[in-house]
Protein backbone atom coordinates (compact mmCIF):
# COMPACT_ATOMS: atom_id res chain seq x y z
CA MET A 1 121.96 116.35 -57.84
CA VAL A 2 118.86 114.46 -58.02
CA LYS A 3 117.21 115.34 -54.73
CA LEU A 4 113.58 113.95 -54.89
CA THR A 5 111.60 111.86 -57.13
CA MET A 6 107.66 111.23 -56.78
CA ILE A 7 105.05 109.35 -58.94
CA ALA A 8 101.13 110.32 -58.88
CA ARG A 9 98.31 109.55 -60.61
CA VAL A 10 96.92 112.33 -62.88
CA ASN A 11 93.57 112.00 -62.29
CA ASP A 12 93.32 112.26 -58.74
CA GLY A 13 96.84 113.13 -57.61
CA LEU A 14 96.92 109.67 -55.72
CA LEU A 15 100.83 109.20 -54.88
CA LEU A 16 101.72 105.78 -56.10
CA ALA A 17 105.79 105.83 -55.34
CA GLU A 18 108.39 108.02 -53.90
CA GLY A 19 111.97 107.89 -53.94
CA LEU A 20 112.75 107.33 -50.37
CA ASP A 21 115.45 109.69 -48.36
CA ASP A 22 118.65 107.81 -48.48
CA GLY A 23 120.25 109.99 -45.12
CA ARG A 24 121.44 113.19 -47.07
CA VAL A 25 118.25 114.72 -46.34
CA GLU A 26 117.29 118.36 -48.51
CA LYS A 27 117.14 121.42 -45.98
CA ASP A 28 113.30 121.93 -46.06
CA ILE A 29 112.65 118.78 -47.93
CA ASP A 30 109.15 118.41 -46.13
CA TYR A 31 108.20 121.89 -47.46
CA TYR A 32 109.13 120.88 -51.20
CA LYS A 33 107.32 117.38 -51.04
CA GLN A 34 104.39 119.88 -50.06
CA GLN A 35 104.81 122.00 -53.08
CA ALA A 36 105.15 118.99 -55.07
CA LYS A 37 102.17 117.45 -53.70
CA SER A 38 100.15 120.87 -54.02
CA LEU A 39 101.43 120.44 -57.92
CA PHE A 40 100.03 116.91 -58.28
CA LYS A 41 96.51 118.62 -57.32
CA LYS A 42 96.95 121.15 -59.76
CA LEU A 43 97.44 118.79 -62.03
CA SER A 44 94.20 116.47 -61.37
CA GLN A 45 92.09 119.83 -61.55
CA SER A 46 93.30 120.95 -65.20
CA GLN A 47 93.17 119.16 -68.21
CA HIS A 48 95.49 121.95 -70.28
CA GLU A 49 98.50 121.55 -68.46
CA PRO A 50 101.61 120.56 -70.55
CA SER A 51 102.81 116.92 -70.38
CA ARG A 52 106.19 118.11 -69.68
CA MET A 53 107.39 121.26 -68.03
CA SER A 54 110.25 122.55 -65.77
CA ILE A 55 109.35 124.75 -62.38
CA GLU A 56 111.75 127.13 -60.67
CA THR A 57 111.23 126.59 -56.67
CA GLY A 58 113.98 128.24 -55.03
CA PRO A 59 117.79 126.83 -55.59
CA ASN A 60 115.86 123.76 -57.04
CA MET A 61 113.88 122.79 -60.07
CA PHE A 62 111.13 120.44 -60.49
CA HIS A 63 110.91 118.50 -63.82
CA TYR A 64 107.91 116.15 -64.54
CA ILE A 65 106.63 114.27 -67.32
CA ILE A 66 103.04 112.97 -68.00
CA GLU A 67 102.52 109.42 -69.50
CA GLY A 68 99.84 106.62 -69.21
CA GLY A 69 97.91 109.17 -66.78
CA VAL A 70 100.94 109.00 -64.62
CA CYS A 71 102.88 111.80 -63.65
CA TYR A 72 106.52 111.38 -63.02
CA LEU A 73 108.32 114.20 -60.97
CA THR A 74 111.75 115.26 -59.71
CA MET A 75 113.33 117.99 -57.88
CA CYS A 76 116.61 118.69 -58.76
CA ASP A 77 119.75 121.61 -58.27
CA ARG A 78 118.88 124.49 -60.72
CA SER A 79 122.35 123.78 -62.12
CA TYR A 80 121.51 120.10 -62.81
CA PRO A 81 121.27 119.64 -66.76
CA LYS A 82 117.60 119.46 -68.08
CA LYS A 83 118.45 116.81 -70.10
CA LEU A 84 119.45 114.33 -67.80
CA ALA A 85 116.64 115.03 -65.91
CA PHE A 86 114.22 114.23 -68.35
CA GLN A 87 115.91 111.04 -69.24
CA TYR A 88 115.84 109.98 -65.84
CA LEU A 89 112.09 110.44 -65.69
CA GLU A 90 111.76 108.84 -68.80
CA ASP A 91 113.87 105.69 -67.53
CA LEU A 92 111.54 105.66 -64.38
CA GLN A 93 108.57 105.92 -66.68
CA ARG A 94 108.89 103.11 -69.02
CA GLU A 95 109.97 100.74 -65.86
CA PHE A 96 107.12 101.91 -64.06
CA GLU A 97 104.54 100.94 -66.89
CA LYS A 98 106.12 97.82 -67.56
CA LEU A 99 105.65 96.60 -64.08
CA ASN A 100 102.54 98.18 -63.19
CA ARG A 101 100.68 99.11 -66.42
CA SER A 102 97.63 96.86 -65.30
CA GLN A 103 97.03 98.24 -61.75
CA ILE A 104 97.42 102.00 -61.94
CA GLU A 105 93.75 102.86 -62.72
CA THR A 106 92.75 100.63 -59.94
CA VAL A 107 94.96 101.09 -56.66
CA ALA A 108 92.74 102.98 -54.15
CA ARG A 109 95.48 103.22 -51.40
CA PRO A 110 98.62 105.84 -51.38
CA TYR A 111 101.93 104.40 -51.95
CA ALA A 112 100.57 101.21 -53.72
CA PHE A 113 103.96 100.69 -55.75
CA ILE A 114 106.46 101.64 -53.01
CA LYS A 115 108.64 99.02 -53.66
CA PHE A 116 109.58 100.78 -56.60
CA ASP A 117 111.88 103.02 -54.72
CA THR A 118 114.50 99.95 -55.23
CA PHE A 119 114.42 101.03 -58.86
CA ILE A 120 114.17 104.56 -58.02
CA GLN A 121 117.51 104.69 -56.15
CA LYS A 122 119.28 102.32 -58.45
CA THR A 123 118.54 104.46 -61.46
CA ARG A 124 119.28 107.79 -59.57
CA LYS A 125 122.80 106.47 -58.91
CA LEU A 126 123.45 106.50 -62.61
CA TYR A 127 122.58 110.10 -62.94
CA LEU A 128 124.30 111.70 -60.27
CA ASP A 129 127.38 112.21 -61.58
CA THR A 130 126.76 114.28 -64.72
CA HIS A 131 130.43 113.52 -65.91
CA THR A 132 130.40 110.17 -66.51
CA GLN A 133 131.19 108.74 -69.80
CA ARG A 134 127.12 107.57 -69.66
CA ASN A 135 126.04 110.88 -68.71
CA LEU A 136 128.10 112.98 -70.99
CA ALA A 137 127.15 110.35 -73.89
CA LYS A 138 123.68 111.51 -72.90
CA LEU A 139 124.27 115.15 -72.91
CA ASN A 140 125.65 115.20 -76.23
CA ASP A 141 122.91 113.49 -77.90
CA GLU A 142 121.47 115.38 -80.78
CA LEU A 143 118.08 113.28 -81.01
CA TYR A 144 117.11 114.22 -77.49
CA GLU A 145 116.25 117.82 -76.92
CA VAL A 146 114.36 119.80 -74.32
CA GLN A 147 114.69 123.38 -75.49
CA GLN A 148 111.19 123.61 -76.09
CA ILE A 149 109.78 122.10 -72.67
CA MET A 150 108.64 125.57 -70.82
CA THR A 151 110.01 126.55 -67.78
CA ARG A 152 107.84 128.35 -65.42
CA ASN A 153 107.87 129.90 -61.29
CA ILE A 154 106.16 127.44 -58.73
CA GLN A 155 104.01 130.51 -57.80
CA GLU A 156 103.07 131.06 -61.41
CA VAL A 157 101.91 127.37 -61.66
CA LEU A 158 99.88 126.97 -58.09
CA GLY A 159 98.75 130.32 -58.18
CA VAL A 160 96.57 131.30 -55.41
CA GLY A 161 96.28 127.88 -53.76
CA GLU A 162 100.01 128.49 -52.84
CA LYS A 163 99.68 131.89 -51.86
CA LEU A 164 97.05 130.71 -49.72
CA ASP A 165 99.06 127.97 -48.25
CA GLN A 166 101.80 130.26 -47.63
CA VAL A 167 99.58 132.79 -45.81
CA SER A 168 97.90 129.32 -43.80
CA GLN A 169 101.69 128.81 -42.68
CA MET A 170 102.33 132.18 -41.59
CA SER A 171 99.33 132.07 -39.67
CA SER A 172 99.78 128.98 -37.79
CA HIS A 173 103.02 130.29 -37.05
CA LEU A 174 101.80 133.03 -35.87
CA THR A 175 99.00 131.64 -33.45
CA SER A 176 101.75 129.05 -32.00
CA GLU A 177 104.13 132.24 -31.40
CA SER A 178 101.11 134.05 -29.62
CA ARG A 179 100.26 131.04 -27.78
CA ILE A 180 104.02 130.79 -26.75
CA TYR A 181 104.39 134.48 -26.12
CA ALA A 182 101.17 134.00 -23.75
CA GLU A 183 102.70 131.58 -21.34
CA LYS A 184 105.77 133.24 -20.85
CA ALA A 185 103.60 136.40 -19.93
CA ARG A 186 101.58 134.31 -17.52
CA ASP A 187 104.91 132.80 -16.27
CA LEU A 188 106.18 136.48 -15.72
CA SER A 189 103.06 137.41 -13.93
CA ARG A 190 103.49 134.88 -11.47
CA GLN A 191 106.93 135.36 -11.10
CA ALA A 192 106.31 139.00 -10.37
CA LEU A 193 103.49 138.20 -8.06
CA ILE A 194 105.86 135.70 -5.83
CA ARG A 195 108.55 138.51 -5.38
CA LYS A 196 105.74 141.12 -4.64
CA TRP A 197 103.93 138.87 -1.74
CA ALA A 198 106.95 136.43 -0.85
CA PRO A 199 108.35 138.91 1.73
CA VAL A 200 104.98 139.90 3.31
CA ALA A 201 104.02 136.10 3.40
CA VAL A 202 107.22 135.68 5.31
CA VAL A 203 106.70 138.06 7.94
CA ILE A 204 103.29 136.88 8.36
CA GLY A 205 104.58 133.32 9.06
CA ILE A 206 107.38 134.63 11.25
CA VAL A 207 104.47 136.60 13.49
CA LEU A 208 102.19 133.97 13.39
CA LEU A 209 105.11 131.33 14.57
CA LEU A 210 106.46 133.83 17.37
CA LEU A 211 102.36 133.89 18.38
CA TRP A 212 102.00 130.44 18.58
CA ALA A 213 105.43 129.59 20.26
CA ARG A 214 104.34 132.48 22.89
CA ARG A 215 101.31 130.77 23.67
CA TYR A 216 102.97 127.41 23.59
CA PHE A 217 105.70 128.38 26.29
CA TYR A 218 103.91 130.90 27.82
C-alpha cells in the first residue's frame, strides 16, 4: 500500500508537492515525513547518490526516483511490490514535468504545486490493489526490471545526521519528562507542607477565635 508521497527539488530540498492524508493516517506519519525531509536535505548536499533507490525504514520502504532535478518519493509497506512502486513514481514524474516543467527551477515557496495532490490521489488509487488486472500486467512486464536498484537502510543513508536527530529527539523528550517530574515534585512538596502544618493552623485558629470570643463577650 502507498502510504506517503512527497515531491521535492533536489538542489535545495524545497518541497514542491505532497499527497495529502486521506483519513487513514499511518501511525507515526510525522516521524516518517521528517525522515523524508532529512533524505531530501541529504540529496541536496550530495552529487553522488543514485537516481533510483529503495530505503528500509521500520516496517516500511521509501522508494525514490530523481528526474529533471526533482525527487519523487513514496513510502509503502515492505511487502508492496518494488516494481509497482517505481512505476507509480514514474507516472507522477511524467505528469508533473508535463504540467510544471517551466516553473520547477523558479518557485521559491514550499508546496508551490500543492494542487498536484489531485493527480497524486487519483494515481495512488490505481496502485492500491496489487491484484487488479492492470497491476498484474505491470508486475509481469519483463521489459521493466528493478532488480538492479539499490536497497539501503535509512540510518546508512542519512548517517550521523539521522543519529543526531534521534539523540536530539530523545534529549527533548527527557527534558520534557524532567520538567513534568519537577512540577510533580513541587506539588507533592506543597501537599506535604499542607498536611504537616494544616492541623497546627487549625489549632491556632481555634485558640485565636476563643481569645477573641472571650474578649468580646466578657
